[in-house]
PDB file of N, CA and C in Angstrom:
ATOM      1  N   ASP A   1     111.143  91.815 116.921  1.00  0.00           N
ATOM      2  CA  ASP A   1     110.840  90.617 116.137  1.00  0.00           C
ATOM      3  C   ASP A   1     111.800  89.472 116.437  1.00  0.00           C
ATOM      4  N   LYS A   2     112.789  89.724 117.236  1.00  0.00           N
ATOM      5  CA  LYS A   2     113.751  88.671 117.558  1.00  0.00           C
ATOM      6  C   LYS A   2     113.347  88.023 118.870  1.00  0.00           C
ATOM      7  N   LYS A   3     113.442  86.700 118.916  1.00  0.00           N
ATOM      8  CA  LYS A   3     112.930  85.972 120.075  1.00  0.00           C
ATOM      9  C   LYS A   3     113.950  85.081 120.754  1.00  0.00           C
ATOM     10  N   SER A   4     115.194  85.126 120.330  1.00  0.00           N
ATOM     11  CA  SER A   4     116.187  84.250 120.955  1.00  0.00           C
ATOM     12  C   SER A   4     116.568  84.801 122.331  1.00  0.00           C
ATOM     13  N   LEU A   5     116.885  83.908 123.234  1.00  0.00           N
ATOM     14  CA  LEU A   5     117.289  84.318 124.577  1.00  0.00           C
ATOM     15  C   LEU A   5     118.580  85.118 124.560  1.00  0.00           C
ATOM     16  N   GLN A   6     119.468  84.789 123.644  1.00  0.00           N
ATOM     17  CA  GLN A   6     120.725  85.517 123.544  1.00  0.00           C
ATOM     18  C   GLN A   6     120.463  86.984 123.181  1.00  0.00           C
ATOM     19  N   TYR A   7     119.554  87.224 122.239  1.00  0.00           N
ATOM     20  CA  TYR A   7     119.215  88.593 121.842  1.00  0.00           C
ATOM     21  C   TYR A   7     118.585  89.344 123.021  1.00  0.00           C
ATOM     22  N   ILE A   8     117.658  88.690 123.717  1.00  0.00           N
ATOM     23  CA  ILE A   8     116.982  89.316 124.855  1.00  0.00           C
ATOM     24  C   ILE A   8     117.998  89.655 125.942  1.00  0.00           C
ATOM     25  N   TYR A   9     118.903  88.739 126.230  1.00  0.00           N
ATOM     26  CA  TYR A   9     119.939  88.976 127.232  1.00  0.00           C
ATOM     27  C   TYR A   9     120.820  90.167 126.839  1.00  0.00           C
ATOM     28  N   LYS A  10     121.206  90.210 125.573  1.00  0.00           N
ATOM     29  CA  LYS A  10     122.065  91.277 125.074  1.00  0.00           C
ATOM     30  C   LYS A  10     121.368  92.635 125.222  1.00  0.00           C
ATOM     31  N   LYS A  11     120.095  92.702 124.855  1.00  0.00           N
ATOM     32  CA  LYS A  11     119.333  93.949 124.968  1.00  0.00           C
ATOM     33  C   LYS A  11     119.141  94.347 126.425  1.00  0.00           C
ATOM     34  N   ALA A  12     118.811  93.375 127.282  1.00  0.00           N
ATOM     35  CA  ALA A  12     118.614  93.663 128.707  1.00  0.00           C
ATOM     36  C   ALA A  12     119.907  94.181 129.329  1.00  0.00           C
ATOM     37  N   THR A  13     121.022  93.603 128.964  1.00  0.00           N
ATOM     38  CA  THR A  13     122.320  94.042 129.478  1.00  0.00           C
ATOM     39  C   THR A  13     122.614  95.471 129.030  1.00  0.00           C
ATOM     40  N   ALA A  14     122.342  95.767 127.769  1.00  0.00           N
ATOM     41  CA  ALA A  14     122.579  97.118 127.244  1.00  0.00           C
ATOM     42  C   ALA A  14     121.706  98.139 127.975  1.00  0.00           C
ATOM     43  N   LEU A  15     120.447  97.796 128.210  1.00  0.00           N
ATOM     44  CA  LEU A  15     119.563  98.699 128.948  1.00  0.00           C
ATOM     45  C   LEU A  15     120.071  98.925 130.368  1.00  0.00           C
ATOM     46  N   TYR A  16     120.488  97.858 131.004  1.00  0.00           N
ATOM     47  CA  TYR A  16     121.007  97.960 132.372  1.00  0.00           C
ATOM     48  C   TYR A  16     122.239  98.869 132.414  1.00  0.00           C
ATOM     49  N   GLU A  17     123.098  98.742 131.423  1.00  0.00           N
ATOM     50  CA  GLU A  17     124.311  99.562 131.361  1.00  0.00           C
ATOM     51  C   GLU A  17     123.980 101.033 131.131  1.00  0.00           C
ATOM     52  N   GLU A  18     122.798 101.318 130.558  1.00  0.00           N
ATOM     53  CA  GLU A  18     122.338 102.696 130.378  1.00  0.00           C
ATOM     54  C   GLU A  18     121.640 103.228 131.626  1.00  0.00           C
ATOM     55  N   GLY A  19     121.573 102.401 132.669  1.00  0.00           N
ATOM     56  CA  GLY A  19     120.951 102.836 133.911  1.00  0.00           C
ATOM     57  C   GLY A  19     119.474 102.512 134.016  1.00  0.00           C
ATOM     58  N   ILE A  20     118.983 101.735 133.083  1.00  0.00           N
ATOM     59  CA  ILE A  20     117.573 101.356 133.094  1.00  0.00           C
ATOM     60  C   ILE A  20     117.470 100.038 133.847  1.00  0.00           C
ATOM     61  N   ASP A  21     117.184 100.178 135.151  1.00  0.00           N
ATOM     62  CA  ASP A  21     117.196  98.994 136.006  1.00  0.00           C
ATOM     63  C   ASP A  21     115.898  98.795 136.791  1.00  0.00           C
ATOM     64  N   THR A  22     114.875  99.581 136.450  1.00  0.00           N
ATOM     65  CA  THR A  22     113.560  99.376 137.050  1.00  0.00           C
ATOM     66  C   THR A  22     112.505  99.446 135.961  1.00  0.00           C
ATOM     67  N   TYR A  23     111.334  98.950 136.275  1.00  0.00           N
ATOM     68  CA  TYR A  23     110.244  98.980 135.300  1.00  0.00           C
ATOM     69  C   TYR A  23     109.846 100.415 134.980  1.00  0.00           C
ATOM     70  N   ASP A  24     109.834 101.293 135.984  1.00  0.00           N
ATOM     71  CA  ASP A  24     109.480 102.692 135.756  1.00  0.00           C
ATOM     72  C   ASP A  24     110.459 103.362 134.790  1.00  0.00           C
ATOM     73  N   LYS A  25     111.745 103.107 134.979  1.00  0.00           N
ATOM     74  CA  LYS A  25     112.751 103.661 134.072  1.00  0.00           C
ATOM     75  C   LYS A  25     112.590 103.086 132.666  1.00  0.00           C
ATOM     76  N   PHE A  26     112.201 101.821 132.585  1.00  0.00           N
ATOM     77  CA  PHE A  26     111.983 101.196 131.285  1.00  0.00           C
ATOM     78  C   PHE A  26     110.796 101.832 130.572  1.00  0.00           C
ATOM     79  N   GLU A  27     109.739 102.130 131.302  1.00  0.00           N
ATOM     80  CA  GLU A  27     108.579 102.796 130.693  1.00  0.00           C
ATOM     81  C   GLU A  27     108.949 104.178 130.164  1.00  0.00           C
ATOM     82  N   ILE A  28     109.743 104.911 130.926  1.00  0.00           N
ATOM     83  CA  ILE A  28     110.205 106.227 130.478  1.00  0.00           C
ATOM     84  C   ILE A  28     111.067 106.089 129.222  1.00  0.00           C
ATOM     85  N   TYR A  29     111.947 105.099 129.224  1.00  0.00           N
ATOM     86  CA  TYR A  29     112.797 104.823 128.061  1.00  0.00           C
ATOM     87  C   TYR A  29     111.944 104.523 126.829  1.00  0.00           C
ATOM     88  N   LEU A  30     110.927 103.669 126.988  1.00  0.00           N
ATOM     89  CA  LEU A  30     110.059 103.315 125.862  1.00  0.00           C
ATOM     90  C   LEU A  30     109.296 104.525 125.333  1.00  0.00           C
ATOM     91  N   ALA A  31     108.787 105.352 126.224  1.00  0.00           N
ATOM     92  CA  ALA A  31     108.061 106.553 125.798  1.00  0.00           C
ATOM     93  C   ALA A  31     108.979 107.482 125.006  1.00  0.00           C
ATOM     94  N   LYS A  32     110.222 107.634 125.485  1.00  0.00           N
ATOM     95  CA  LYS A  32     111.195 108.471 124.780  1.00  0.00           C
ATOM     96  C   LYS A  32     111.498 107.901 123.401  1.00  0.00           C
ATOM     97  N   ARG A  33     111.703 106.577 123.320  1.00  0.00           N
ATOM     98  CA  ARG A  33     111.991 105.938 122.029  1.00  0.00           C
ATOM     99  C   ARG A  33     110.820 106.090 121.062  1.00  0.00           C
ATOM    100  N   GLU A  34     109.596 105.944 121.568  1.00  0.00           N
ATOM    101  CA  GLU A  34     108.418 106.088 120.706  1.00  0.00           C
ATOM    102  C   GLU A  34     108.329 107.500 120.149  1.00  0.00           C
ATOM    103  N   ALA A  35     108.581 108.500 120.983  1.00  0.00           N
ATOM    104  CA  ALA A  35     108.551 109.891 120.520  1.00  0.00           C
ATOM    105  C   ALA A  35     109.639 110.136 119.475  1.00  0.00           C
ATOM    106  N   ILE A  36     110.839 109.643 119.741  1.00  0.00           N
ATOM    107  CA  ILE A  36     111.936 109.799 118.778  1.00  0.00           C
ATOM    108  C   ILE A  36     111.581 109.113 117.463  1.00  0.00           C
ATOM    109  N   ASN A  37     111.088 107.880 117.540  1.00  0.00           N
ATOM    110  CA  ASN A  37     110.750 107.136 116.327  1.00  0.00           C
ATOM    111  C   ASN A  37     109.652 107.819 115.525  1.00  0.00           C
ATOM    112  N   SER A  38     108.689 108.417 116.203  1.00  0.00           N
ATOM    113  CA  SER A  38     107.627 109.146 115.511  1.00  0.00           C
ATOM    114  C   SER A  38     108.207 110.332 114.747  1.00  0.00           C
ATOM    115  N   ASN A  39     109.083 111.087 115.401  1.00  0.00           N
ATOM    116  CA  ASN A  39     109.716 112.232 114.744  1.00  0.00           C
ATOM    117  C   ASN A  39     110.642 111.797 113.613  1.00  0.00           C
ATOM    118  N   VAL A  40     111.344 110.710 113.806  1.00  0.00           N
ATOM    119  CA  VAL A  40     112.223 110.190 112.750  1.00  0.00           C
ATOM    120  C   VAL A  40     111.389 109.795 111.537  1.00  0.00           C
ATOM    121  N   GLY A  41     110.247 109.177 111.764  1.00  0.00           N
ATOM    122  CA  GLY A  41     109.361 108.804 110.653  1.00  0.00           C
ATOM    123  C   GLY A  41     108.918 110.018 109.856  1.00  0.00           C
ATOM    124  N   LYS A  42     108.557 111.092 110.550  1.00  0.00           N
ATOM    125  CA  LYS A  42     108.153 112.333 109.867  1.00  0.00           C
ATOM    126  C   LYS A  42     109.323 112.918 109.083  1.00  0.00           C
ATOM    127  N   LEU A  43     110.510 112.885 109.693  1.00  0.00           N
ATOM    128  CA  LEU A  43     111.692 113.443 109.026  1.00  0.00           C
ATOM    129  C   LEU A  43     112.077 112.622 107.802  1.00  0.00           C
ATOM    130  N   ARG A  44     111.976 111.306 107.911  1.00  0.00           N
ATOM    131  CA  ARG A  44     112.278 110.436 106.764  1.00  0.00           C
ATOM    132  C   ARG A  44     111.373 110.789 105.593  1.00  0.00           C
ATOM    133  N   LYS A  45     110.103 111.001 105.888  1.00  0.00           N
ATOM    134  CA  LYS A  45     109.136 111.356 104.842  1.00  0.00           C
ATOM    135  C   LYS A  45     109.475 112.720 104.245  1.00  0.00           C
ATOM    136  N   LEU A  46     109.766 113.698 105.110  1.00  0.00           N
ATOM    137  CA  LEU A  46     110.118 115.036 104.653  1.00  0.00           C
ATOM    138  C   LEU A  46     111.342 115.009 103.743  1.00  0.00           C
ATOM    139  N   CYS A  47     112.334 114.213 104.113  1.00  0.00           N
ATOM    140  CA  CYS A  47     113.596 114.165 103.372  1.00  0.00           C
ATOM    141  C   CYS A  47     113.555 113.191 102.197  1.00  0.00           C
ATOM    142  N   GLY A  48     112.436 112.483 102.014  1.00  0.00           N
ATOM    143  CA  GLY A  48     112.322 111.542 100.905  1.00  0.00           C
ATOM    144  C   GLY A  48     113.223 110.330 101.058  1.00  0.00           C
ATOM    145  N   MET A  49     113.407 109.867 102.285  1.00  0.00           N
ATOM    146  CA  MET A  49     114.307 108.743 102.533  1.00  0.00           C
ATOM    147  C   MET A  49     113.667 107.390 102.282  1.00  0.00           C
ATOM    148  N   GLY A  50     112.368 107.348 102.150  1.00  0.00           N
ATOM    149  CA  GLY A  50     111.699 106.075 101.898  1.00  0.00           C
ATOM    150  C   GLY A  50     111.881 105.100 103.048  1.00  0.00           C
ATOM    151  N   ASP A  51     111.903 103.821 102.712  1.00  0.00           N
ATOM    152  CA  ASP A  51     111.990 102.765 103.718  1.00  0.00           C
ATOM    153  C   ASP A  51     113.396 102.194 103.883  1.00  0.00           C
ATOM    154  N   ARG A  52     114.380 102.828 103.271  1.00  0.00           N
ATOM    155  CA  ARG A  52     115.734 102.289 103.382  1.00  0.00           C
ATOM    156  C   ARG A  52     116.204 102.348 104.821  1.00  0.00           C
ATOM    157  N   ALA A  53     117.145 101.496 105.148  1.00  0.00           N
ATOM    158  CA  ALA A  53     117.723 101.505 106.492  1.00  0.00           C
ATOM    159  C   ALA A  53     118.523 102.789 106.681  1.00  0.00           C
ATOM    160  N   LEU A  54     118.454 103.337 107.877  1.00  0.00           N
ATOM    161  CA  LEU A  54     119.249 104.520 108.177  1.00  0.00           C
ATOM    162  C   LEU A  54     120.711 104.121 108.365  1.00  0.00           C
ATOM    163  N   THR A  55     121.587 105.025 107.992  1.00  0.00           N
ATOM    164  CA  THR A  55     123.004 104.787 108.264  1.00  0.00           C
ATOM    165  C   THR A  55     123.243 105.001 109.759  1.00  0.00           C
ATOM    166  N   SER A  56     124.369 104.543 110.243  1.00  0.00           N
ATOM    167  CA  SER A  56     124.671 104.742 111.665  1.00  0.00           C
ATOM    168  C   SER A  56     124.818 106.228 111.973  1.00  0.00           C
ATOM    169  N   LYS A  57     125.355 107.004 111.039  1.00  0.00           N
ATOM    170  CA  LYS A  57     125.483 108.451 111.236  1.00  0.00           C
ATOM    171  C   LYS A  57     124.107 109.097 111.344  1.00  0.00           C
ATOM    172  N   GLU A  58     123.190 108.734 110.462  1.00  0.00           N
ATOM    173  CA  GLU A  58     121.840 109.283 110.515  1.00  0.00           C
ATOM    174  C   GLU A  58     121.157 108.930 111.831  1.00  0.00           C
ATOM    175  N   THR A  59     121.290 107.690 112.257  1.00  0.00           N
ATOM    176  CA  THR A  59     120.685 107.257 113.510  1.00  0.00           C
ATOM    177  C   THR A  59     121.225 108.079 114.681  1.00  0.00           C
ATOM    178  N   LYS A  60     122.527 108.291 114.722  1.00  0.00           N
ATOM    179  CA  LYS A  60     123.138 109.076 115.804  1.00  0.00           C
ATOM    180  C   LYS A  60     122.646 110.521 115.777  1.00  0.00           C
ATOM    181  N   LEU A  61     122.587 111.109 114.582  1.00  0.00           N
ATOM    182  CA  LEU A  61     122.123 112.490 114.466  1.00  0.00           C
ATOM    183  C   LEU A  61     120.668 112.616 114.915  1.00  0.00           C
ATOM    184  N   PHE A  62     119.810 111.726 114.444  1.00  0.00           N
ATOM    185  CA  PHE A  62     118.387 111.800 114.786  1.00  0.00           C
ATOM    186  C   PHE A  62     118.173 111.587 116.275  1.00  0.00           C
ATOM    187  N   ASP A  63     118.910 110.650 116.861  1.00  0.00           N
ATOM    188  CA  ASP A  63     118.808 110.424 118.312  1.00  0.00           C
ATOM    189  C   ASP A  63     119.269 111.668 119.076  1.00  0.00           C
ATOM    190  N   CYS A  64     120.289 112.319 118.570  1.00  0.00           N
ATOM    191  CA  CYS A  64     120.792 113.538 119.207  1.00  0.00           C
ATOM    192  C   CYS A  64     119.750 114.655 119.106  1.00  0.00           C
ATOM    193  N   TRP A  65     119.250 114.911 117.889  1.00  0.00           N
ATOM    194  CA  TRP A  65     118.311 116.014 117.688  1.00  0.00           C
ATOM    195  C   TRP A  65     117.022 115.851 118.479  1.00  0.00           C
ATOM    196  N   PHE A  66     116.441 114.648 118.390  1.00  0.00           N
ATOM    197  CA  PHE A  66     115.145 114.428 119.020  1.00  0.00           C
ATOM    198  C   PHE A  66     115.256 113.911 120.449  1.00  0.00           C
ATOM    199  N   GLY A  67     116.344 113.222 120.767  1.00  0.00           N
ATOM    200  CA  GLY A  67     116.499 112.633 122.097  1.00  0.00           C
ATOM    201  C   GLY A  67     117.300 113.502 123.033  1.00  0.00           C
ATOM    202  N   ASP A  68     118.570 113.729 122.700  1.00  0.00           N
ATOM    203  CA  ASP A  68     119.460 114.482 123.589  1.00  0.00           C
ATOM    204  C   ASP A  68     119.090 115.966 123.644  1.00  0.00           C
ATOM    205  N   TRP A  69     118.900 116.574 122.471  1.00  0.00           N
ATOM    206  CA  TRP A  69     118.614 118.004 122.418  1.00  0.00           C
ATOM    207  C   TRP A  69     117.124 118.297 122.532  1.00  0.00           C
ATOM    208  N   LYS A  70     116.285 117.277 122.366  1.00  0.00           N
ATOM    209  CA  LYS A  70     114.836 117.375 122.558  1.00  0.00           C
ATOM    210  C   LYS A  70     114.166 118.420 121.660  1.00  0.00           C
ATOM    211  N   PHE A  71     114.643 118.518 120.433  1.00  0.00           N
ATOM    212  CA  PHE A  71     113.992 119.428 119.494  1.00  0.00           C
ATOM    213  C   PHE A  71     112.659 118.840 119.061  1.00  0.00           C
ATOM    214  N   PRO A  72     111.609 119.673 118.993  1.00  0.00           N
ATOM    215  CA  PRO A  72     110.367 119.195 118.390  1.00  0.00           C
ATOM    216  C   PRO A  72     110.554 119.070 116.876  1.00  0.00           C
ATOM    217  N   PHE A  73     109.706 118.282 116.248  1.00  0.00           N
ATOM    218  CA  PHE A  73     109.831 118.049 114.810  1.00  0.00           C
ATOM    219  C   PHE A  73     109.849 119.355 114.030  1.00  0.00           C
ATOM    220  N   GLU A  74     108.989 120.307 114.391  1.00  0.00           N
ATOM    221  CA  GLU A  74     108.883 121.555 113.627  1.00  0.00           C
ATOM    222  C   GLU A  74     110.199 122.328 113.596  1.00  0.00           C
ATOM    223  N   THR A  75     110.983 122.252 114.651  1.00  0.00           N
ATOM    224  CA  THR A  75     112.275 122.937 114.675  1.00  0.00           C
ATOM    225  C   THR A  75     113.265 122.245 113.736  1.00  0.00           C
ATOM    226  N   VAL A  76     113.262 120.929 113.741  1.00  0.00           N
ATOM    227  CA  VAL A  76     114.138 120.178 112.837  1.00  0.00           C
ATOM    228  C   VAL A  76     113.704 120.412 111.389  1.00  0.00           C
ATOM    229  N   LYS A  77     112.400 120.508 111.174  1.00  0.00           N
ATOM    230  CA  LYS A  77     111.878 120.807 109.832  1.00  0.00           C
ATOM    231  C   LYS A  77     112.381 122.164 109.349  1.00  0.00           C
ATOM    232  N   LEU A  78     112.399 123.152 110.238  1.00  0.00           N
ATOM    233  CA  LEU A  78     112.910 124.471 109.875  1.00  0.00           C
ATOM    234  C   LEU A  78     114.387 124.400 109.505  1.00  0.00           C
ATOM    235  N   ALA A  79     115.158 123.620 110.254  1.00  0.00           N
ATOM    236  CA  ALA A  79     116.582 123.446 109.919  1.00  0.00           C
ATOM    237  C   ALA A  79     116.736 122.772 108.561  1.00  0.00           C
ATOM    238  N   TYR A  80     115.873 121.808 108.265  1.00  0.00           N
ATOM    239  CA  TYR A  80     115.885 121.148 106.953  1.00  0.00           C
ATOM    240  C   TYR A  80     115.642 122.184 105.851  1.00  0.00           C
ATOM    241  N   GLU A  81     114.618 123.016 106.049  1.00  0.00           N
ATOM    242  CA  GLU A  81     114.284 124.023 105.036  1.00  0.00           C
ATOM    243  C   GLU A  81     115.428 125.004 104.835  1.00  0.00           C
ATOM    244  N   LYS A  82     116.064 125.437 105.921  1.00  0.00           N
ATOM    245  CA  LYS A  82     117.189 126.357 105.805  1.00  0.00           C
ATOM    246  C   LYS A  82     118.373 125.685 105.105  1.00  0.00           C
ATOM    247  N   THR A  83     118.553 124.397 105.362  1.00  0.00           N
ATOM    248  CA  THR A  83     119.631 123.641 104.714  1.00  0.00           C
ATOM    249  C   THR A  83     119.413 123.591 103.214  1.00  0.00           C
ATOM    250  N   VAL A  84     118.226 123.200 102.807  1.00  0.00           N
ATOM    251  CA  VAL A  84     117.932 123.074 101.374  1.00  0.00           C
ATOM    252  C   VAL A  84     117.956 124.439 100.695  1.00  0.00           C
ATOM    253  N   ASP A  85     117.442 125.475 101.371  1.00  0.00           N
ATOM    254  CA  ASP A  85     117.477 126.825 100.798  1.00  0.00           C
ATOM    255  C   ASP A  85     118.911 127.308 100.593  1.00  0.00           C
ATOM    256  N   SER A  86     119.792 126.964 101.518  1.00  0.00           N
ATOM    257  CA  SER A  86     121.181 127.448 101.442  1.00  0.00           C
ATOM    258  C   SER A  86     122.066 126.610 100.531  1.00  0.00           C
ATOM    259  N   THR A  87     121.850 125.279 100.519  1.00  0.00           N
ATOM    260  CA  THR A  87     122.756 124.400  99.775  1.00  0.00           C
ATOM    261  C   THR A  87     122.143 123.837  98.501  1.00  0.00           C
ATOM    262  N   GLY A  88     120.817 123.899  98.393  1.00  0.00           N
ATOM    263  CA  GLY A  88     120.148 123.333  97.230  1.00  0.00           C
ATOM    264  C   GLY A  88     119.944 121.834  97.324  1.00  0.00           C
ATOM    265  N   LYS A  89     120.294 121.254  98.471  1.00  0.00           N
ATOM    266  CA  LYS A  89     120.144 119.808  98.651  1.00  0.00           C
ATOM    267  C   LYS A  89     120.101 119.487 100.142  1.00  0.00           C
ATOM    268  N   LEU A  90     119.786 118.248 100.446  1.00  0.00           N
ATOM    269  CA  LEU A  90     119.817 117.790 101.823  1.00  0.00           C
ATOM    270  C   LEU A  90     121.255 117.480 102.209  1.00  0.00           C
ATOM    271  N   SER A  91     121.705 118.071 103.301  1.00  0.00           N
ATOM    272  CA  SER A  91     123.028 117.790 103.846  1.00  0.00           C
ATOM    273  C   SER A  91     122.875 117.635 105.350  1.00  0.00           C
ATOM    274  N   MET A  92     123.018 116.405 105.828  1.00  0.00           N
ATOM    275  CA  MET A  92     122.863 116.144 107.255  1.00  0.00           C
ATOM    276  C   MET A  92     123.919 116.889 108.067  1.00  0.00           C
ATOM    277  N   THR A  93     125.116 117.018 107.529  1.00  0.00           N
ATOM    278  CA  THR A  93     126.190 117.709 108.223  1.00  0.00           C
ATOM    279  C   THR A  93     125.850 119.189 108.385  1.00  0.00           C
ATOM    280  N   TYR A  94     125.359 119.807 107.328  1.00  0.00           N
ATOM    281  CA  TYR A  94     124.979 121.221 107.364  1.00  0.00           C
ATOM    282  C   TYR A  94     123.811 121.417 108.327  1.00  0.00           C
ATOM    283  N   MET A  95     122.826 120.534 108.223  1.00  0.00           N
ATOM    284  CA  MET A  95     121.644 120.598 109.079  1.00  0.00           C
ATOM    285  C   MET A  95     122.041 120.442 110.544  1.00  0.00           C
ATOM    286  N   ASN A  96     122.964 119.536 110.820  1.00  0.00           N
ATOM    287  CA  ASN A  96     123.436 119.334 112.181  1.00  0.00           C
ATOM    288  C   ASN A  96     124.121 120.594 112.709  1.00  0.00           C
ATOM    289  N   GLY A  97     124.849 121.283 111.843  1.00  0.00           N
ATOM    290  CA  GLY A  97     125.492 122.532 112.253  1.00  0.00           C
ATOM    291  C   GLY A  97     124.480 123.582 112.672  1.00  0.00           C
ATOM    292  N   ILE A  98     123.403 123.691 111.915  1.00  0.00           N
ATOM    293  CA  ILE A  98     122.325 124.630 112.258  1.00  0.00           C
ATOM    294  C   ILE A  98     121.733 124.260 113.616  1.00  0.00           C
ATOM    295  N   LEU A  99     121.374 122.999 113.759  1.00  0.00           N
ATOM    296  CA  LEU A  99     120.739 122.555 114.995  1.00  0.00           C
ATOM    297  C   LEU A  99     121.690 122.667 116.193  1.00  0.00           C
ATOM    298  N   ARG A 100     122.958 122.412 115.990  1.00  0.00           N
ATOM    299  CA  ARG A 100     123.945 122.543 117.072  1.00  0.00           C
ATOM    300  C   ARG A 100     124.002 124.000 117.550  1.00  0.00           C
ATOM    301  N   ARG A 101     124.064 124.933 116.596  1.00  0.00           N
ATOM    302  CA  ARG A 101     124.114 126.349 116.969  1.00  0.00           C
ATOM    303  C   ARG A 101     122.856 126.752 117.737  1.00  0.00           C
ATOM    304  N   TRP A 102     121.700 126.287 117.275  1.00  0.00           N
ATOM    305  CA  TRP A 102     120.458 126.608 117.969  1.00  0.00           C
ATOM    306  C   TRP A 102     120.462 126.020 119.378  1.00  0.00           C
ATOM    307  N   HIS A 103     120.907 124.785 119.497  1.00  0.00           N
ATOM    308  CA  HIS A 103     120.960 124.136 120.800  1.00  0.00           C
ATOM    309  C   HIS A 103     121.906 124.890 121.742  1.00  0.00           C
ATOM    310  N   GLU A 104     123.079 125.245 121.242  1.00  0.00           N
ATOM    311  CA  GLU A 104     124.054 125.959 122.062  1.00  0.00           C
ATOM    312  C   GLU A 104     123.572 127.353 122.454  1.00  0.00           C
ATOM    313  N   SER A 105     122.664 127.915 121.640  1.00  0.00           N
ATOM    314  CA  SER A 105     122.084 129.226 121.946  1.00  0.00           C
ATOM    315  C   SER A 105     120.867 129.121 122.862  1.00  0.00           C
ATOM    316  N   GLY A 106     120.469 127.885 123.164  1.00  0.00           N
ATOM    317  CA  GLY A 106     119.315 127.687 124.041  1.00  0.00           C
ATOM    318  C   GLY A 106     117.986 127.683 123.324  1.00  0.00           C
ATOM    319  N   PHE A 107     118.018 127.652 122.005  1.00  0.00           N
ATOM    320  CA  PHE A 107     116.784 127.628 121.232  1.00  0.00           C
ATOM    321  C   PHE A 107     116.240 126.212 121.176  1.00  0.00           C
ATOM    322  N   GLU A 108     114.918 126.081 121.322  1.00  0.00           N
ATOM    323  CA  GLU A 108     114.278 124.767 121.208  1.00  0.00           C
ATOM    324  C   GLU A 108     113.159 124.766 120.178  1.00  0.00           C
ATOM    325  N   THR A 109     112.330 125.784 120.211  1.00  0.00           N
ATOM    326  CA  THR A 109     111.148 125.833 119.349  1.00  0.00           C
ATOM    327  C   THR A 109     111.379 126.731 118.154  1.00  0.00           C
ATOM    328  N   VAL A 110     110.480 126.660 117.196  1.00  0.00           N
ATOM    329  CA  VAL A 110     110.537 127.544 116.033  1.00  0.00           C
ATOM    330  C   VAL A 110     110.429 128.995 116.498  1.00  0.00           C
ATOM    331  N   GLU A 111     109.605 129.236 117.495  1.00  0.00           N
ATOM    332  CA  GLU A 111     109.440 130.597 118.024  1.00  0.00           C
ATOM    333  C   GLU A 111     110.764 131.118 118.607  1.00  0.00           C
ATOM    334  N   ASP A 112     111.514 130.235 119.286  1.00  0.00           N
ATOM    335  CA  ASP A 112     112.815 130.626 119.831  1.00  0.00           C
ATOM    336  C   ASP A 112     113.768 131.044 118.714  1.00  0.00           C
ATOM    337  N   VAL A 113     113.751 130.280 117.637  1.00  0.00           N
ATOM    338  CA  VAL A 113     114.655 130.543 116.513  1.00  0.00           C
ATOM    339  C   VAL A 113     114.282 131.853 115.859  1.00  0.00           C
TER     340      VAL A 113
END
């Protein structure tokens, strides 16, 4: 929604610094972001987060779970359920611990877990 040249330059520079320097790489980047955003939307709904802005910690965790570790939504949902069952509440730190252990064990899907 931002249209200033300064904003566009800043974003283009950031993308370039991430190694996105061709149109093909940009398309791959966009597809990855769309998939992450779709999963984040489902998770926000599951966790009852509403439309509030995500904290920087939440954004980093969600990007890690869905982007870096490439967990499908159903696996993150299972971690959410285990978190709430064990703690009685939503705890991103606890949930991240579950997902980290699964990732380090090579688990990706609910079936793997």
